[in-house]
Amino acid sequence: MIVPEWDVNIDGRIDIKDVAQVSKVFGVSHPSPRYNSDFDFNSDSRIDIKDIAIVAKNFGESH
């Protein structure tokens, strides 16, 4: 099974739990110890609305 990277909690579906997990680190950027590159979907060294939007765009998908 291929898990999409935006299924951050790896439960088989993209839902509010994934959006919430990324939202918890909203505003964090590299080199902060809270920065997690797994949530930086557009690879710009910060977790922002663009990353949350990527997860939200795929909301409802399952695998």
PDB file of N, CA and C in Angstrom:
ATOM      1  N   MET A   1       0.850  -1.186   0.000  1.00  0.00           N
ATOM      2  CA  MET A   1       0.000   0.000   0.000  1.00  0.00           C
ATOM      3  C   MET A   1       0.886   1.238   0.000  1.00  0.00           C
ATOM      4  N   ILE A   2       0.594   2.137  -0.888  1.00  0.00           N
ATOM      5  CA  ILE A   2       1.306   3.412  -0.951  1.00  0.00           C
ATOM      6  C   ILE A   2       0.537   4.426  -0.122  1.00  0.00           C
ATOM      7  N   VAL A   3       1.226   5.030   0.831  1.00  0.00           N
ATOM      8  CA  VAL A   3       0.597   6.014   1.716  1.00  0.00           C
ATOM      9  C   VAL A   3       0.947   7.413   1.205  1.00  0.00           C
ATOM     10  N   PRO A   4      -0.057   8.213   0.862  1.00  0.00           N
ATOM     11  CA  PRO A   4       0.235   9.589   0.448  1.00  0.00           C
ATOM     12  C   PRO A   4       0.901  10.353   1.585  1.00  0.00           C
ATOM     13  N   GLU A   5       1.847  11.206   1.246  1.00  0.00           N
ATOM     14  CA  GLU A   5       2.581  11.924   2.287  1.00  0.00           C
ATOM     15  C   GLU A   5       1.689  12.812   3.139  1.00  0.00           C
ATOM     16  N   TRP A   6       0.563  13.246   2.629  1.00  0.00           N
ATOM     17  CA  TRP A   6      -0.319  14.123   3.416  1.00  0.00           C
ATOM     18  C   TRP A   6      -1.232  13.352   4.355  1.00  0.00           C
ATOM     19  N   ASP A   7      -1.153  12.025   4.371  1.00  0.00           N
ATOM     20  CA  ASP A   7      -1.830  11.226   5.400  1.00  0.00           C
ATOM     21  C   ASP A   7      -0.847  11.139   6.573  1.00  0.00           C
ATOM     22  N   VAL A   8      -0.720  12.245   7.293  1.00  0.00           N
ATOM     23  CA  VAL A   8       0.357  12.380   8.282  1.00  0.00           C
ATOM     24  C   VAL A   8       0.238  11.428   9.458  1.00  0.00           C
ATOM     25  N   ASN A   9      -0.962  10.976   9.780  1.00  0.00           N
ATOM     26  CA  ASN A   9      -1.088  10.028  10.890  1.00  0.00           C
ATOM     27  C   ASN A   9      -1.204   8.577  10.405  1.00  0.00           C
ATOM     28  N   ILE A  10      -1.072   8.403   9.111  1.00  0.00           N
ATOM     29  CA  ILE A  10      -1.013   7.087   8.458  1.00  0.00           C
ATOM     30  C   ILE A  10      -2.140   6.157   8.929  1.00  0.00           C
ATOM     31  N   ASP A  11      -3.372   6.665   8.840  1.00  0.00           N
ATOM     32  CA  ASP A  11      -4.513   5.847   9.236  1.00  0.00           C
ATOM     33  C   ASP A  11      -5.361   5.415   8.045  1.00  0.00           C
ATOM     34  N   GLY A  12      -4.882   5.696   6.838  1.00  0.00           N
ATOM     35  CA  GLY A  12      -5.591   5.253   5.645  1.00  0.00           C
ATOM     36  C   GLY A  12      -6.558   6.245   5.048  1.00  0.00           C
ATOM     37  N   ARG A  13      -6.679   7.419   5.667  1.00  0.00           N
ATOM     38  CA  ARG A  13      -7.579   8.438   5.117  1.00  0.00           C
ATOM     39  C   ARG A  13      -7.057   9.836   5.462  1.00  0.00           C
ATOM     40  N   ILE A  14      -7.381  10.770   4.593  1.00  0.00           N
ATOM     41  CA  ILE A  14      -7.022  12.164   4.826  1.00  0.00           C
ATOM     42  C   ILE A  14      -8.268  12.810   5.426  1.00  0.00           C
ATOM     43  N   ASP A  15      -8.137  13.257   6.672  1.00  0.00           N
ATOM     44  CA  ASP A  15      -9.289  13.810   7.379  1.00  0.00           C
ATOM     45  C   ASP A  15      -8.857  14.934   8.305  1.00  0.00           C
ATOM     46  N   ILE A  16      -9.777  15.354   9.157  1.00  0.00           N
ATOM     47  CA  ILE A  16      -9.524  16.487  10.045  1.00  0.00           C
ATOM     48  C   ILE A  16      -8.354  16.218  10.988  1.00  0.00           C
ATOM     49  N   LYS A  17      -8.099  14.966  11.304  1.00  0.00           N
ATOM     50  CA  LYS A  17      -6.967  14.635  12.169  1.00  0.00           C
ATOM     51  C   LYS A  17      -5.643  15.004  11.506  1.00  0.00           C
ATOM     52  N   ASP A  18      -5.546  14.795  10.202  1.00  0.00           N
ATOM     53  CA  ASP A  18      -4.333  15.169   9.479  1.00  0.00           C
ATOM     54  C   ASP A  18      -4.177  16.684   9.421  1.00  0.00           C
ATOM     55  N   VAL A  19      -5.282  17.374   9.124  1.00  0.00           N
ATOM     56  CA  VAL A  19      -5.253  18.840   9.088  1.00  0.00           C
ATOM     57  C   VAL A  19      -4.859  19.390  10.456  1.00  0.00           C
ATOM     58  N   ALA A  20      -5.415  18.832  11.511  1.00  0.00           N
ATOM     59  CA  ALA A  20      -5.127  19.296  12.872  1.00  0.00           C
ATOM     60  C   ALA A  20      -3.670  19.074  13.244  1.00  0.00           C
ATOM     61  N   GLN A  21      -3.126  17.939  12.848  1.00  0.00           N
ATOM     62  CA  GLN A  21      -1.730  17.647  13.201  1.00  0.00           C
ATOM     63  C   GLN A  21      -0.775  18.636  12.537  1.00  0.00           C
ATOM     64  N   VAL A  22      -1.022  18.969  11.279  1.00  0.00           N
ATOM     65  CA  VAL A  22      -0.187  19.961  10.600  1.00  0.00           C
ATOM     66  C   VAL A  22      -0.424  21.344  11.211  1.00  0.00           C
ATOM     67  N   SER A  23      -1.657  21.647  11.559  1.00  0.00           N
ATOM     68  CA  SER A  23      -1.985  22.952  12.145  1.00  0.00           C
ATOM     69  C   SER A  23      -1.272  23.187  13.476  1.00  0.00           C
ATOM     70  N   LYS A  24      -0.986  22.130  14.201  1.00  0.00           N
ATOM     71  CA  LYS A  24      -0.302  22.270  15.494  1.00  0.00           C
ATOM     72  C   LYS A  24       1.084  22.885  15.360  1.00  0.00           C
ATOM     73  N   VAL A  25       1.692  22.734  14.196  1.00  0.00           N
ATOM     74  CA  VAL A  25       3.026  23.312  13.998  1.00  0.00           C
ATOM     75  C   VAL A  25       2.990  24.481  13.014  1.00  0.00           C
ATOM     76  N   PHE A  26       1.797  25.037  12.802  1.00  0.00           N
ATOM     77  CA  PHE A  26       1.642  26.211  11.937  1.00  0.00           C
ATOM     78  C   PHE A  26       2.577  27.325  12.413  1.00  0.00           C
ATOM     79  N   GLY A  27       3.288  27.916  11.483  1.00  0.00           N
ATOM     80  CA  GLY A  27       4.183  29.033  11.795  1.00  0.00           C
ATOM     81  C   GLY A  27       5.595  28.623  12.164  1.00  0.00           C
ATOM     82  N   VAL A  28       5.851  27.348  12.276  1.00  0.00           N
ATOM     83  CA  VAL A  28       7.186  26.868  12.637  1.00  0.00           C
ATOM     84  C   VAL A  28       8.031  26.763  11.369  1.00  0.00           C
ATOM     85  N   SER A  29       9.272  27.180  11.474  1.00  0.00           N
ATOM     86  CA  SER A  29      10.167  27.084  10.318  1.00  0.00           C
ATOM     87  C   SER A  29      11.529  26.547  10.749  1.00  0.00           C
ATOM     88  N   HIS A  30      12.269  26.123   9.756  1.00  0.00           N
ATOM     89  CA  HIS A  30      13.621  25.627   9.983  1.00  0.00           C
ATOM     90  C   HIS A  30      14.489  26.807  10.419  1.00  0.00           C
ATOM     91  N   PRO A  31      15.308  26.730  11.406  1.00  0.00           N
ATOM     92  CA  PRO A  31      15.841  25.574  12.125  1.00  0.00           C
ATOM     93  C   PRO A  31      15.212  25.321  13.492  1.00  0.00           C
ATOM     94  N   SER A  32      14.007  25.746  13.723  1.00  0.00           N
ATOM     95  CA  SER A  32      13.352  25.510  15.013  1.00  0.00           C
ATOM     96  C   SER A  32      13.340  24.015  15.338  1.00  0.00           C
ATOM     97  N   PRO A  33      13.541  23.675  16.598  1.00  0.00           N
ATOM     98  CA  PRO A  33      13.476  22.259  16.969  1.00  0.00           C
ATOM     99  C   PRO A  33      12.075  21.668  16.777  1.00  0.00           C
ATOM    100  N   ARG A  34      11.049  22.511  16.690  1.00  0.00           N
ATOM    101  CA  ARG A  34       9.673  22.032  16.448  1.00  0.00           C
ATOM    102  C   ARG A  34       9.400  21.768  14.970  1.00  0.00           C
ATOM    103  N   TYR A  35      10.307  22.234  14.097  1.00  0.00           N
ATOM    104  CA  TYR A  35      10.125  22.053  12.651  1.00  0.00           C
ATOM    105  C   TYR A  35      10.203  20.568  12.304  1.00  0.00           C
ATOM    106  N   ASN A  36       9.247  20.115  11.525  1.00  0.00           N
ATOM    107  CA  ASN A  36       9.212  18.727  11.071  1.00  0.00           C
ATOM    108  C   ASN A  36       9.047  18.748   9.557  1.00  0.00           C
ATOM    109  N   SER A  37      10.070  18.359   8.842  1.00  0.00           N
ATOM    110  CA  SER A  37      10.028  18.407   7.383  1.00  0.00           C
ATOM    111  C   SER A  37       8.938  17.508   6.801  1.00  0.00           C
ATOM    112  N   ASP A  38       8.451  16.553   7.578  1.00  0.00           N
ATOM    113  CA  ASP A  38       7.360  15.691   7.104  1.00  0.00           C
ATOM    114  C   ASP A  38       6.071  16.477   6.894  1.00  0.00           C
ATOM    115  N   PHE A  39       5.951  17.640   7.527  1.00  0.00           N
ATOM    116  CA  PHE A  39       4.759  18.475   7.391  1.00  0.00           C
ATOM    117  C   PHE A  39       4.981  19.655   6.444  1.00  0.00           C
ATOM    118  N   ASP A  40       6.166  19.770   5.897  1.00  0.00           N
ATOM    119  CA  ASP A  40       6.503  20.847   4.967  1.00  0.00           C
ATOM    120  C   ASP A  40       6.341  20.314   3.543  1.00  0.00           C
ATOM    121  N   PHE A  41       5.109  20.212   3.099  1.00  0.00           N
ATOM    122  CA  PHE A  41       4.793  19.551   1.844  1.00  0.00           C
ATOM    123  C   PHE A  41       5.301  20.268   0.608  1.00  0.00           C
ATOM    124  N   ASN A  42       5.499  21.572   0.688  1.00  0.00           N
ATOM    125  CA  ASN A  42       6.022  22.299  -0.462  1.00  0.00           C
ATOM    126  C   ASN A  42       7.510  22.618  -0.308  1.00  0.00           C
ATOM    127  N   SER A  43       8.139  22.077   0.710  1.00  0.00           N
ATOM    128  CA  SER A  43       9.599  22.153   0.914  1.00  0.00           C
ATOM    129  C   SER A  43      10.154  23.569   0.888  1.00  0.00           C
ATOM    130  N   ASP A  44       9.473  24.482   1.599  1.00  0.00           N
ATOM    131  CA  ASP A  44       9.972  25.862   1.664  1.00  0.00           C
ATOM    132  C   ASP A  44      10.536  26.207   3.037  1.00  0.00           C
ATOM    133  N   SER A  45      10.791  25.194   3.858  1.00  0.00           N
ATOM    134  CA  SER A  45      11.403  25.329   5.190  1.00  0.00           C
ATOM    135  C   SER A  45      10.519  26.002   6.217  1.00  0.00           C
ATOM    136  N   ARG A  46       9.211  26.023   5.967  1.00  0.00           N
ATOM    137  CA  ARG A  46       8.266  26.540   6.966  1.00  0.00           C
ATOM    138  C   ARG A  46       6.927  25.829   6.823  1.00  0.00           C
ATOM    139  N   ILE A  47       6.250  25.705   7.954  1.00  0.00           N
ATOM    140  CA  ILE A  47       4.924  25.111   7.967  1.00  0.00           C
ATOM    141  C   ILE A  47       3.932  26.263   7.985  1.00  0.00           C
ATOM    142  N   ASP A  48       3.195  26.410   6.910  1.00  0.00           N
ATOM    143  CA  ASP A  48       2.287  27.550   6.802  1.00  0.00           C
ATOM    144  C   ASP A  48       0.976  27.124   6.140  1.00  0.00           C
ATOM    145  N   ILE A  49       0.172  28.098   5.795  1.00  0.00           N
ATOM    146  CA  ILE A  49      -1.149  27.825   5.234  1.00  0.00           C
ATOM    147  C   ILE A  49      -1.059  27.026   3.944  1.00  0.00           C
ATOM    148  N   LYS A  50       0.025  27.163   3.215  1.00  0.00           N
ATOM    149  CA  LYS A  50       0.189  26.398   1.976  1.00  0.00           C
ATOM    150  C   LYS A  50       0.263  24.899   2.268  1.00  0.00           C
ATOM    151  N   ASP A  51       0.940  24.542   3.336  1.00  0.00           N
ATOM    152  CA  ASP A  51       1.049  23.129   3.710  1.00  0.00           C
ATOM    153  C   ASP A  51      -0.299  22.597   4.205  1.00  0.00           C
ATOM    154  N   ILE A  52      -0.995  23.396   4.985  1.00  0.00           N
ATOM    155  CA  ILE A  52      -2.322  22.994   5.453  1.00  0.00           C
ATOM    156  C   ILE A  52      -3.269  22.853   4.258  1.00  0.00           C
ATOM    157  N   ALA A  53      -3.160  23.750   3.297  1.00  0.00           N
ATOM    158  CA  ALA A  53      -4.018  23.701   2.111  1.00  0.00           C
ATOM    159  C   ALA A  53      -3.783  22.432   1.296  1.00  0.00           C
ATOM    160  N   ILE A  54      -2.558  21.962   1.233  1.00  0.00           N
ATOM    161  CA  ILE A  54      -2.259  20.723   0.511  1.00  0.00           C
ATOM    162  C   ILE A  54      -2.989  19.552   1.151  1.00  0.00           C
ATOM    163  N   VAL A  55      -2.962  19.495   2.475  1.00  0.00           N
ATOM    164  CA  VAL A  55      -3.679  18.426   3.169  1.00  0.00           C
ATOM    165  C   VAL A  55      -5.188  18.588   2.937  1.00  0.00           C
ATOM    166  N   ALA A  56      -5.685  19.807   3.103  1.00  0.00           N
ATOM    167  CA  ALA A  56      -7.122  20.065   2.951  1.00  0.00           C
ATOM    168  C   ALA A  56      -7.602  19.760   1.531  1.00  0.00           C
ATOM    169  N   LYS A  57      -6.766  20.021   0.542  1.00  0.00           N
ATOM    170  CA  LYS A  57      -7.131  19.754  -0.855  1.00  0.00           C
ATOM    171  C   LYS A  57      -7.386  18.257  -1.065  1.00  0.00           C
ATOM    172  N   ASN A  58      -6.706  17.432  -0.307  1.00  0.00           N
ATOM    173  CA  ASN A  58      -6.831  15.984  -0.445  1.00  0.00           C
ATOM    174  C   ASN A  58      -7.778  15.376   0.598  1.00  0.00           C
ATOM    175  N   PHE A  59      -8.467  16.236   1.332  1.00  0.00           N
ATOM    176  CA  PHE A  59      -9.411  15.812   2.375  1.00  0.00           C
ATOM    177  C   PHE A  59     -10.433  14.825   1.797  1.00  0.00           C
ATOM    178  N   GLY A  60     -10.642  13.738   2.490  1.00  0.00           N
ATOM    179  CA  GLY A  60     -11.619  12.750   2.066  1.00  0.00           C
ATOM    180  C   GLY A  60     -11.036  11.585   1.299  1.00  0.00           C
ATOM    181  N   GLU A  61      -9.774  11.719   0.849  1.00  0.00           N
ATOM    182  CA  GLU A  61      -9.130  10.598   0.168  1.00  0.00           C
ATOM    183  C   GLU A  61      -8.903   9.460   1.143  1.00  0.00           C
ATOM    184  N   SER A  62      -8.911   8.267   0.628  1.00  0.00           N
ATOM    185  CA  SER A  62      -8.539   7.119   1.444  1.00  0.00           C
ATOM    186  C   SER A  62      -7.716   6.180   0.586  1.00  0.00           C
ATOM    187  N   HIS A  63      -7.017   5.309   1.258  1.00  0.00           N
ATOM    188  CA  HIS A  63      -6.153   4.352   0.531  1.00  0.00           C
ATOM    189  C   HIS A  63      -6.123   3.044   1.256  1.00  0.00           C
TER     190      HIS A  63
END
